[in-house]
Full PDB file with SEQRES, HELIX, SHEET, SSBOND, CRYST1, ORIGX, SCALE, CONECT and MASTER records, all heavy atoms in Angstrom:
SEQRES   1 A   35  MET SER ALA VAL GLY ALA VAL ALA GLY LEU THR LEU ALA          
SEQRES   2 A   35  ALA ALA SER PRO ALA ALA ALA ALA SER TYR SER PHE GLN          
SEQRES   3 A   35  PRO THR TRP PRO SER TRP GLY GLN ILE                          
HELIX    1 AA1 SER A    2  ALA A   15  1                                  14    
HELIX    2 AA2 PRO A   17  ALA A   19  5                                   3    
CRYST1    1.000    1.000    1.000  90.00  90.00  90.00 P 1           1          
ORIGX1      1.000000  0.000000  0.000000        0.00000                         
ORIGX2      0.000000  1.000000  0.000000        0.00000                         
ORIGX3      0.000000  0.000000  1.000000        0.00000                         
SCALE1      1.000000  0.000000  0.000000        0.00000                         
SCALE2      0.000000  1.000000  0.000000        0.00000                         
SCALE3      0.000000  0.000000  1.000000        0.00000                         
ATOM      1  N   MET A   1     -29.324  -8.266  18.606  1.00  0.00           N  
ATOM      2  CA  MET A   1     -29.221  -7.769  17.159  1.00  0.00           C  
ATOM      3  C   MET A   1     -27.967  -7.021  16.965  1.00  0.00           C  
ATOM      4  O   MET A   1     -27.354  -7.066  15.939  1.00  0.00           O  
ATOM      5  CB  MET A   1     -30.497  -7.077  16.807  1.00  0.00           C  
ATOM      6  CG  MET A   1     -31.651  -7.941  16.521  1.00  0.00           C  
ATOM      7  SD  MET A   1     -31.327  -8.828  15.009  1.00  0.00           S  
ATOM      8  CE  MET A   1     -32.893  -9.514  14.754  1.00  0.00           C  
ATOM      9  N   SER A   2     -27.675  -6.126  17.892  1.00  0.00           N  
ATOM     10  CA  SER A   2     -26.504  -5.180  17.714  1.00  0.00           C  
ATOM     11  C   SER A   2     -25.246  -6.053  17.685  1.00  0.00           C  
ATOM     12  O   SER A   2     -24.325  -5.645  16.951  1.00  0.00           O  
ATOM     13  CB  SER A   2     -26.485  -4.151  18.775  1.00  0.00           C  
ATOM     14  OG  SER A   2     -26.356  -4.698  20.055  1.00  0.00           O  
ATOM     15  N   ALA A   3     -25.098  -7.127  18.404  1.00  0.00           N  
ATOM     16  CA  ALA A   3     -23.925  -7.936  18.361  1.00  0.00           C  
ATOM     17  C   ALA A   3     -23.672  -8.643  16.973  1.00  0.00           C  
ATOM     18  O   ALA A   3     -22.697  -8.663  16.477  1.00  0.00           O  
ATOM     19  CB  ALA A   3     -23.987  -9.000  19.495  1.00  0.00           C  
ATOM     20  N   VAL A   4     -24.838  -9.032  16.386  1.00  0.00           N  
ATOM     21  CA  VAL A   4     -24.807  -9.650  15.052  1.00  0.00           C  
ATOM     22  C   VAL A   4     -24.342  -8.553  14.105  1.00  0.00           C  
ATOM     23  O   VAL A   4     -23.497  -8.770  13.173  1.00  0.00           O  
ATOM     24  CB  VAL A   4     -26.139 -10.240  14.672  1.00  0.00           C  
ATOM     25  CG1 VAL A   4     -26.249 -10.643  13.260  1.00  0.00           C  
ATOM     26  CG2 VAL A   4     -26.536 -11.428  15.612  1.00  0.00           C  
ATOM     27  N   GLY A   5     -24.856  -7.324  14.187  1.00  0.00           N  
ATOM     28  CA  GLY A   5     -24.500  -6.313  13.297  1.00  0.00           C  
ATOM     29  C   GLY A   5     -22.987  -5.948  13.449  1.00  0.00           C  
ATOM     30  O   GLY A   5     -22.423  -5.648  12.411  1.00  0.00           O  
ATOM     31  N   ALA A   6     -22.571  -5.891  14.741  1.00  0.00           N  
ATOM     32  CA  ALA A   6     -21.210  -5.653  14.902  1.00  0.00           C  
ATOM     33  C   ALA A   6     -20.247  -6.723  14.222  1.00  0.00           C  
ATOM     34  O   ALA A   6     -19.197  -6.400  13.676  1.00  0.00           O  
ATOM     35  CB  ALA A   6     -20.927  -5.542  16.351  1.00  0.00           C  
ATOM     36  N   VAL A   7     -20.653  -7.963  14.408  1.00  0.00           N  
ATOM     37  CA  VAL A   7     -19.891  -9.052  13.852  1.00  0.00           C  
ATOM     38  C   VAL A   7     -19.878  -8.854  12.324  1.00  0.00           C  
ATOM     39  O   VAL A   7     -18.841  -9.060  11.696  1.00  0.00           O  
ATOM     40  CB  VAL A   7     -20.330 -10.497  14.281  1.00  0.00           C  
ATOM     41  CG1 VAL A   7     -19.716 -11.589  13.468  1.00  0.00           C  
ATOM     42  CG2 VAL A   7     -20.142 -10.705  15.704  1.00  0.00           C  
ATOM     43  N   ALA A   8     -21.028  -8.659  11.795  1.00  0.00           N  
ATOM     44  CA  ALA A   8     -21.033  -8.497  10.200  1.00  0.00           C  
ATOM     45  C   ALA A   8     -20.291  -7.262   9.767  1.00  0.00           C  
ATOM     46  O   ALA A   8     -19.555  -7.418   8.740  1.00  0.00           O  
ATOM     47  CB  ALA A   8     -22.562  -8.212   9.817  1.00  0.00           C  
ATOM     48  N   GLY A   9     -20.195  -6.199  10.584  1.00  0.00           N  
ATOM     49  CA  GLY A   9     -19.380  -5.122  10.150  1.00  0.00           C  
ATOM     50  C   GLY A   9     -17.935  -5.408  10.235  1.00  0.00           C  
ATOM     51  O   GLY A   9     -17.133  -4.957   9.366  1.00  0.00           O  
ATOM     52  N   LEU A  10     -17.558  -6.178  11.232  1.00  0.00           N  
ATOM     53  CA  LEU A  10     -16.129  -6.678  11.334  1.00  0.00           C  
ATOM     54  C   LEU A  10     -15.728  -7.525  10.111  1.00  0.00           C  
ATOM     55  O   LEU A  10     -14.659  -7.430   9.537  1.00  0.00           O  
ATOM     56  CB  LEU A  10     -15.894  -7.468  12.540  1.00  0.00           C  
ATOM     57  CG  LEU A  10     -15.862  -6.645  13.926  1.00  0.00           C  
ATOM     58  CD1 LEU A  10     -15.671  -7.547  15.080  1.00  0.00           C  
ATOM     59  CD2 LEU A  10     -14.732  -5.638  13.875  1.00  0.00           C  
ATOM     60  N   THR A  11     -16.635  -8.430   9.698  1.00  0.00           N  
ATOM     61  CA  THR A  11     -16.330  -9.290   8.496  1.00  0.00           C  
ATOM     62  C   THR A  11     -16.073  -8.383   7.325  1.00  0.00           C  
ATOM     63  O   THR A  11     -15.218  -8.680   6.529  1.00  0.00           O  
ATOM     64  CB  THR A  11     -17.503 -10.265   8.439  1.00  0.00           C  
ATOM     65  OG1 THR A  11     -17.565 -10.998   9.458  1.00  0.00           O  
ATOM     66  CG2 THR A  11     -17.213 -11.185   7.144  1.00  0.00           C  
ATOM     67  N   LEU A  12     -16.977  -7.505   7.043  1.00  0.00           N  
ATOM     68  CA  LEU A  12     -16.801  -6.581   5.907  1.00  0.00           C  
ATOM     69  C   LEU A  12     -15.547  -5.775   5.976  1.00  0.00           C  
ATOM     70  O   LEU A  12     -14.827  -5.639   4.977  1.00  0.00           O  
ATOM     71  CB  LEU A  12     -18.011  -5.666   5.812  1.00  0.00           C  
ATOM     72  CG  LEU A  12     -19.392  -6.279   5.463  1.00  0.00           C  
ATOM     73  CD1 LEU A  12     -20.492  -5.217   5.485  1.00  0.00           C  
ATOM     74  CD2 LEU A  12     -19.317  -6.937   4.094  1.00  0.00           C  
ATOM     75  N   ALA A  13     -15.192  -5.283   7.139  1.00  0.00           N  
ATOM     76  CA  ALA A  13     -13.977  -4.451   7.264  1.00  0.00           C  
ATOM     77  C   ALA A  13     -12.751  -5.260   6.946  1.00  0.00           C  
ATOM     78  O   ALA A  13     -11.835  -4.950   6.361  1.00  0.00           O  
ATOM     79  CB  ALA A  13     -13.899  -3.891   8.671  1.00  0.00           C  
ATOM     80  N   ALA A  14     -12.729  -6.583   7.442  1.00  0.00           N  
ATOM     81  CA  ALA A  14     -11.594  -7.451   7.207  1.00  0.00           C  
ATOM     82  C   ALA A  14     -11.450  -7.781   5.733  1.00  0.00           C  
ATOM     83  O   ALA A  14     -10.361  -8.055   5.301  1.00  0.00           O  
ATOM     84  CB  ALA A  14     -11.715  -8.739   8.011  1.00  0.00           C  
ATOM     85  N   ALA A  15     -12.441  -7.694   5.025  1.00  0.00           N  
ATOM     86  CA  ALA A  15     -12.343  -8.057   3.534  1.00  0.00           C  
ATOM     87  C   ALA A  15     -11.999  -6.953   2.740  1.00  0.00           C  
ATOM     88  O   ALA A  15     -11.692  -7.028   1.543  1.00  0.00           O  
ATOM     89  CB  ALA A  15     -13.764  -8.619   3.044  1.00  0.00           C  
ATOM     90  N   SER A  16     -11.952  -5.665   3.196  1.00  0.00           N  
ATOM     91  CA  SER A  16     -11.502  -4.612   2.471  1.00  0.00           C  
ATOM     92  C   SER A  16     -10.129  -4.430   2.157  1.00  0.00           C  
ATOM     93  O   SER A  16      -9.253  -5.045   2.946  1.00  0.00           O  
ATOM     94  CB  SER A  16     -12.040  -3.284   3.210  1.00  0.00           C  
ATOM     95  OG  SER A  16     -11.134  -3.065   4.347  1.00  0.00           O  
ATOM     96  N   PRO A  17      -9.676  -3.862   1.037  1.00  0.00           N  
ATOM     97  CA  PRO A  17      -8.284  -3.709   0.657  1.00  0.00           C  
ATOM     98  C   PRO A  17      -7.455  -3.102   1.826  1.00  0.00           C  
ATOM     99  O   PRO A  17      -6.225  -3.412   1.973  1.00  0.00           O  
ATOM    100  CB  PRO A  17      -8.235  -2.965  -0.621  1.00  0.00           C  
ATOM    101  CG  PRO A  17      -9.551  -3.267  -1.200  1.00  0.00           C  
ATOM    102  CD  PRO A  17     -10.520  -3.380  -0.056  1.00  0.00           C  
ATOM    103  N   ALA A  18      -7.983  -2.138   2.509  1.00  0.00           N  
ATOM    104  CA  ALA A  18      -7.300  -1.451   3.575  1.00  0.00           C  
ATOM    105  C   ALA A  18      -6.836  -2.454   4.675  1.00  0.00           C  
ATOM    106  O   ALA A  18      -5.900  -2.264   5.350  1.00  0.00           O  
ATOM    107  CB  ALA A  18      -8.153  -0.370   4.164  1.00  0.00           C  
ATOM    108  N   ALA A  19      -7.521  -3.571   4.768  1.00  0.00           N  
ATOM    109  CA  ALA A  19      -7.308  -4.594   5.805  1.00  0.00           C  
ATOM    110  C   ALA A  19      -6.423  -5.756   5.165  1.00  0.00           C  
ATOM    111  O   ALA A  19      -6.380  -6.836   5.701  1.00  0.00           O  
ATOM    112  CB  ALA A  19      -8.492  -5.116   6.356  1.00  0.00           C  
ATOM    113  N   ALA A  20      -5.903  -5.479   3.996  1.00  0.00           N  
ATOM    114  CA  ALA A  20      -5.101  -6.500   3.237  1.00  0.00           C  
ATOM    115  C   ALA A  20      -3.911  -6.985   4.042  1.00  0.00           C  
ATOM    116  O   ALA A  20      -3.398  -6.289   4.956  1.00  0.00           O  
ATOM    117  CB  ALA A  20      -4.667  -6.027   1.912  1.00  0.00           C  
ATOM    118  N   ALA A  21      -3.360  -8.201   3.709  1.00  0.00           N  
ATOM    119  CA  ALA A  21      -2.275  -8.769   4.394  1.00  0.00           C  
ATOM    120  C   ALA A  21      -1.042  -7.862   4.144  1.00  0.00           C  
ATOM    121  O   ALA A  21      -1.018  -6.978   3.293  1.00  0.00           O  
ATOM    122  CB  ALA A  21      -2.093 -10.132   3.852  1.00  0.00           C  
ATOM    123  N   SER A  22      -0.013  -8.116   4.959  1.00  0.00           N  
ATOM    124  CA  SER A  22       1.204  -7.390   4.829  1.00  0.00           C  
ATOM    125  C   SER A  22       2.154  -8.164   3.961  1.00  0.00           C  
ATOM    126  O   SER A  22       2.130  -9.371   3.982  1.00  0.00           O  
ATOM    127  CB  SER A  22       1.818  -7.241   6.248  1.00  0.00           C  
ATOM    128  OG  SER A  22       3.071  -6.581   6.095  1.00  0.00           O  
ATOM    129  N   TYR A  23       2.815  -7.556   3.075  1.00  0.00           N  
ATOM    130  CA  TYR A  23       3.676  -8.199   1.980  1.00  0.00           C  
ATOM    131  C   TYR A  23       5.095  -7.662   2.154  1.00  0.00           C  
ATOM    132  O   TYR A  23       5.371  -6.598   2.595  1.00  0.00           O  
ATOM    133  CB  TYR A  23       3.245  -7.859   0.593  1.00  0.00           C  
ATOM    134  CG  TYR A  23       1.759  -8.412   0.319  1.00  0.00           C  
ATOM    135  CD1 TYR A  23       0.680  -7.697   0.506  1.00  0.00           C  
ATOM    136  CD2 TYR A  23       1.680  -9.758  -0.026  1.00  0.00           C  
ATOM    137  CE1 TYR A  23      -0.564  -8.189   0.338  1.00  0.00           C  
ATOM    138  CE2 TYR A  23       0.406 -10.353  -0.282  1.00  0.00           C  
ATOM    139  CZ  TYR A  23      -0.676  -9.528  -0.110  1.00  0.00           C  
ATOM    140  OH  TYR A  23      -1.931 -10.059  -0.308  1.00  0.00           O  
ATOM    141  N   SER A  24       6.052  -8.622   1.780  1.00  0.00           N  
ATOM    142  CA  SER A  24       7.383  -8.191   1.736  1.00  0.00           C  
ATOM    143  C   SER A  24       7.906  -8.603   0.370  1.00  0.00           C  
ATOM    144  O   SER A  24       7.364  -9.492  -0.377  1.00  0.00           O  
ATOM    145  CB  SER A  24       8.295  -8.842   2.817  1.00  0.00           C  
ATOM    146  OG  SER A  24       8.057 -10.257   2.768  1.00  0.00           O  
ATOM    147  N   PHE A  25       9.093  -8.019  -0.055  1.00  0.00           N  
ATOM    148  CA  PHE A  25       9.599  -8.174  -1.433  1.00  0.00           C  
ATOM    149  C   PHE A  25      11.121  -8.519  -1.217  1.00  0.00           C  
ATOM    150  O   PHE A  25      11.847  -7.814  -0.729  1.00  0.00           O  
ATOM    151  CB  PHE A  25       9.355  -6.961  -2.277  1.00  0.00           C  
ATOM    152  CG  PHE A  25       7.952  -6.498  -2.314  1.00  0.00           C  
ATOM    153  CD1 PHE A  25       7.452  -5.549  -1.245  1.00  0.00           C  
ATOM    154  CD2 PHE A  25       7.148  -6.983  -3.240  1.00  0.00           C  
ATOM    155  CE1 PHE A  25       6.133  -5.248  -1.361  1.00  0.00           C  
ATOM    156  CE2 PHE A  25       5.783  -6.536  -3.328  1.00  0.00           C  
ATOM    157  CZ  PHE A  25       5.253  -5.767  -2.471  1.00  0.00           C  
ATOM    158  N   GLN A  26      11.414  -9.727  -1.771  1.00  0.00           N  
ATOM    159  CA  GLN A  26      12.900 -10.126  -1.616  1.00  0.00           C  
ATOM    160  C   GLN A  26      13.491 -10.385  -2.939  1.00  0.00           C  
ATOM    161  O   GLN A  26      13.208 -11.236  -3.714  1.00  0.00           O  
ATOM    162  CB  GLN A  26      12.760 -11.565  -0.852  1.00  0.00           C  
ATOM    163  CG  GLN A  26      14.197 -12.207  -0.633  1.00  0.00           C  
ATOM    164  CD  GLN A  26      14.036 -13.523  -0.005  1.00  0.00           C  
ATOM    165  OE1 GLN A  26      13.015 -13.926   0.444  1.00  0.00           O  
ATOM    166  NE2 GLN A  26      15.094 -14.311  -0.002  1.00  0.00           N  
ATOM    167  N   PRO A  27      14.527  -9.528  -3.209  1.00  0.00           N  
ATOM    168  CA  PRO A  27      15.280  -9.559  -4.535  1.00  0.00           C  
ATOM    169  C   PRO A  27      16.243 -10.765  -4.437  1.00  0.00           C  
ATOM    170  O   PRO A  27      16.915 -11.083  -3.399  1.00  0.00           O  
ATOM    171  CB  PRO A  27      15.909  -8.172  -4.643  1.00  0.00           C  
ATOM    172  CG  PRO A  27      16.106  -7.776  -3.149  1.00  0.00           C  
ATOM    173  CD  PRO A  27      14.963  -8.330  -2.447  1.00  0.00           C  
ATOM    174  N   THR A  28      16.468 -11.306  -5.665  1.00  0.00           N  
ATOM    175  CA  THR A  28      17.443 -12.331  -5.804  1.00  0.00           C  
ATOM    176  C   THR A  28      18.109 -11.913  -7.164  1.00  0.00           C  
ATOM    177  O   THR A  28      17.506 -11.372  -8.014  1.00  0.00           O  
ATOM    178  CB  THR A  28      16.973 -13.764  -5.845  1.00  0.00           C  
ATOM    179  OG1 THR A  28      16.065 -13.912  -6.954  1.00  0.00           O  
ATOM    180  CG2 THR A  28      16.348 -14.168  -4.553  1.00  0.00           C  
ATOM    181  N   TRP A  29      19.432 -12.298  -7.287  1.00  0.00           N  
ATOM    182  CA  TRP A  29      20.077 -11.844  -8.475  1.00  0.00           C  
ATOM    183  C   TRP A  29      20.791 -13.062  -9.214  1.00  0.00           C  
ATOM    184  O   TRP A  29      21.934 -13.339  -9.144  1.00  0.00           O  
ATOM    185  CB  TRP A  29      21.196 -10.886  -8.194  1.00  0.00           C  
ATOM    186  CG  TRP A  29      20.770  -9.540  -7.723  1.00  0.00           C  
ATOM    187  CD1 TRP A  29      20.425  -8.542  -8.647  1.00  0.00           C  
ATOM    188  CD2 TRP A  29      20.362  -9.104  -6.463  1.00  0.00           C  
ATOM    189  NE1 TRP A  29      19.926  -7.462  -7.840  1.00  0.00           N  
ATOM    190  CE2 TRP A  29      19.898  -7.871  -6.514  1.00  0.00           C  
ATOM    191  CE3 TRP A  29      20.484  -9.735  -5.153  1.00  0.00           C  
ATOM    192  CZ2 TRP A  29      19.399  -7.119  -5.432  1.00  0.00           C  
ATOM    193  CZ3 TRP A  29      20.064  -9.000  -4.126  1.00  0.00           C  
ATOM    194  CH2 TRP A  29      19.529  -7.679  -4.216  1.00  0.00           C  
ATOM    195  N   PRO A  30      20.021 -13.823  -9.952  1.00  0.00           N  
ATOM    196  CA  PRO A  30      20.653 -14.848 -10.879  1.00  0.00           C  
ATOM    197  C   PRO A  30      21.448 -14.260 -11.940  1.00  0.00           C  
ATOM    198  O   PRO A  30      21.367 -13.077 -12.169  1.00  0.00           O  
ATOM    199  CB  PRO A  30      19.435 -15.604 -11.492  1.00  0.00           C  
ATOM    200  CG  PRO A  30      18.283 -14.704 -11.286  1.00  0.00           C  
ATOM    201  CD  PRO A  30      18.534 -13.741 -10.146  1.00  0.00           C  
ATOM    202  N   SER A  31      22.331 -15.005 -12.501  1.00  0.00           N  
ATOM    203  CA  SER A  31      23.269 -14.509 -13.531  1.00  0.00           C  
ATOM    204  C   SER A  31      22.605 -13.688 -14.740  1.00  0.00           C  
ATOM    205  O   SER A  31      23.279 -12.854 -15.255  1.00  0.00           O  
ATOM    206  CB  SER A  31      24.292 -15.539 -14.001  1.00  0.00           C  
ATOM    207  OG  SER A  31      23.503 -16.495 -14.664  1.00  0.00           O  
ATOM    208  N   TRP A  32      21.407 -14.129 -15.002  1.00  0.00           N  
ATOM    209  CA  TRP A  32      20.794 -13.545 -16.189  1.00  0.00           C  
ATOM    210  C   TRP A  32      19.834 -12.406 -15.819  1.00  0.00           C  
ATOM    211  O   TRP A  32      19.232 -11.879 -16.799  1.00  0.00           O  
ATOM    212  CB  TRP A  32      19.948 -14.641 -16.950  1.00  0.00           C  
ATOM    213  CG  TRP A  32      19.214 -15.543 -15.982  1.00  0.00           C  
ATOM    214  CD1 TRP A  32      19.608 -16.755 -15.612  1.00  0.00           C  
ATOM    215  CD2 TRP A  32      17.985 -15.249 -15.272  1.00  0.00           C  
ATOM    216  NE1 TRP A  32      18.635 -17.346 -14.713  1.00  0.00           N  
ATOM    217  CE2 TRP A  32      17.617 -16.420 -14.432  1.00  0.00           C  
ATOM    218  CE3 TRP A  32      17.160 -14.118 -15.226  1.00  0.00           C  
ATOM    219  CZ2 TRP A  32      16.615 -16.471 -13.679  1.00  0.00           C  
ATOM    220  CZ3 TRP A  32      16.040 -14.244 -14.430  1.00  0.00           C  
ATOM    221  CH2 TRP A  32      15.738 -15.418 -13.654  1.00  0.00           C  
ATOM    222  N   GLY A  33      19.732 -11.954 -14.706  1.00  0.00           N  
ATOM    223  CA  GLY A  33      18.833 -10.845 -14.445  1.00  0.00           C  
ATOM    224  C   GLY A  33      18.543 -10.608 -12.910  1.00  0.00           C  
ATOM    225  O   GLY A  33      19.424 -10.655 -12.107  1.00  0.00           O  
ATOM    226  N   GLN A  34      17.243 -10.580 -12.638  1.00  0.00           N  
ATOM    227  CA  GLN A  34      16.770 -10.394 -11.252  1.00  0.00           C  
ATOM    228  C   GLN A  34      15.354 -10.874 -11.056  1.00  0.00           C  
ATOM    229  O   GLN A  34      14.502 -10.754 -12.075  1.00  0.00           O  
ATOM    230  CB  GLN A  34      16.781  -8.805 -10.937  1.00  0.00           C  
ATOM    231  CG  GLN A  34      16.431  -8.681  -9.429  1.00  0.00           C  
ATOM    232  CD  GLN A  34      16.799  -7.245  -8.974  1.00  0.00           C  
ATOM    233  OE1 GLN A  34      16.832  -6.293  -9.749  1.00  0.00           O  
ATOM    234  NE2 GLN A  34      17.126  -7.097  -7.734  1.00  0.00           N  
ATOM    235  N   ILE A  35      15.143 -11.563  -9.936  1.00  0.00           N  
ATOM    236  CA  ILE A  35      13.833 -11.978  -9.521  1.00  0.00           C  
ATOM    237  C   ILE A  35      13.520 -11.330  -8.218  1.00  0.00           C  
ATOM    238  O   ILE A  35      14.350 -11.267  -7.346  1.00  0.00           O  
ATOM    239  CB  ILE A  35      13.752 -13.558  -9.388  1.00  0.00           C  
ATOM    240  CG1 ILE A  35      13.923 -14.127 -10.689  1.00  0.00           C  
ATOM    241  CG2 ILE A  35      12.463 -13.996  -8.718  1.00  0.00           C  
ATOM    242  CD1 ILE A  35      13.934 -15.685 -10.737  1.00  0.00           C  
TER     243      ILE A  35                                                      
MASTER        0    0    0    2    0    0    0    6  242    1    0    3          
END                                                                             
């Protein structure tokens, strides 16, 4: 039972925003502005 509880806890932790994916931001400069 404790192994099942541990797995369930890991699943919940992975779904939290704190465990969110890592993001990067790449600017581009077309002639009319910026993306």
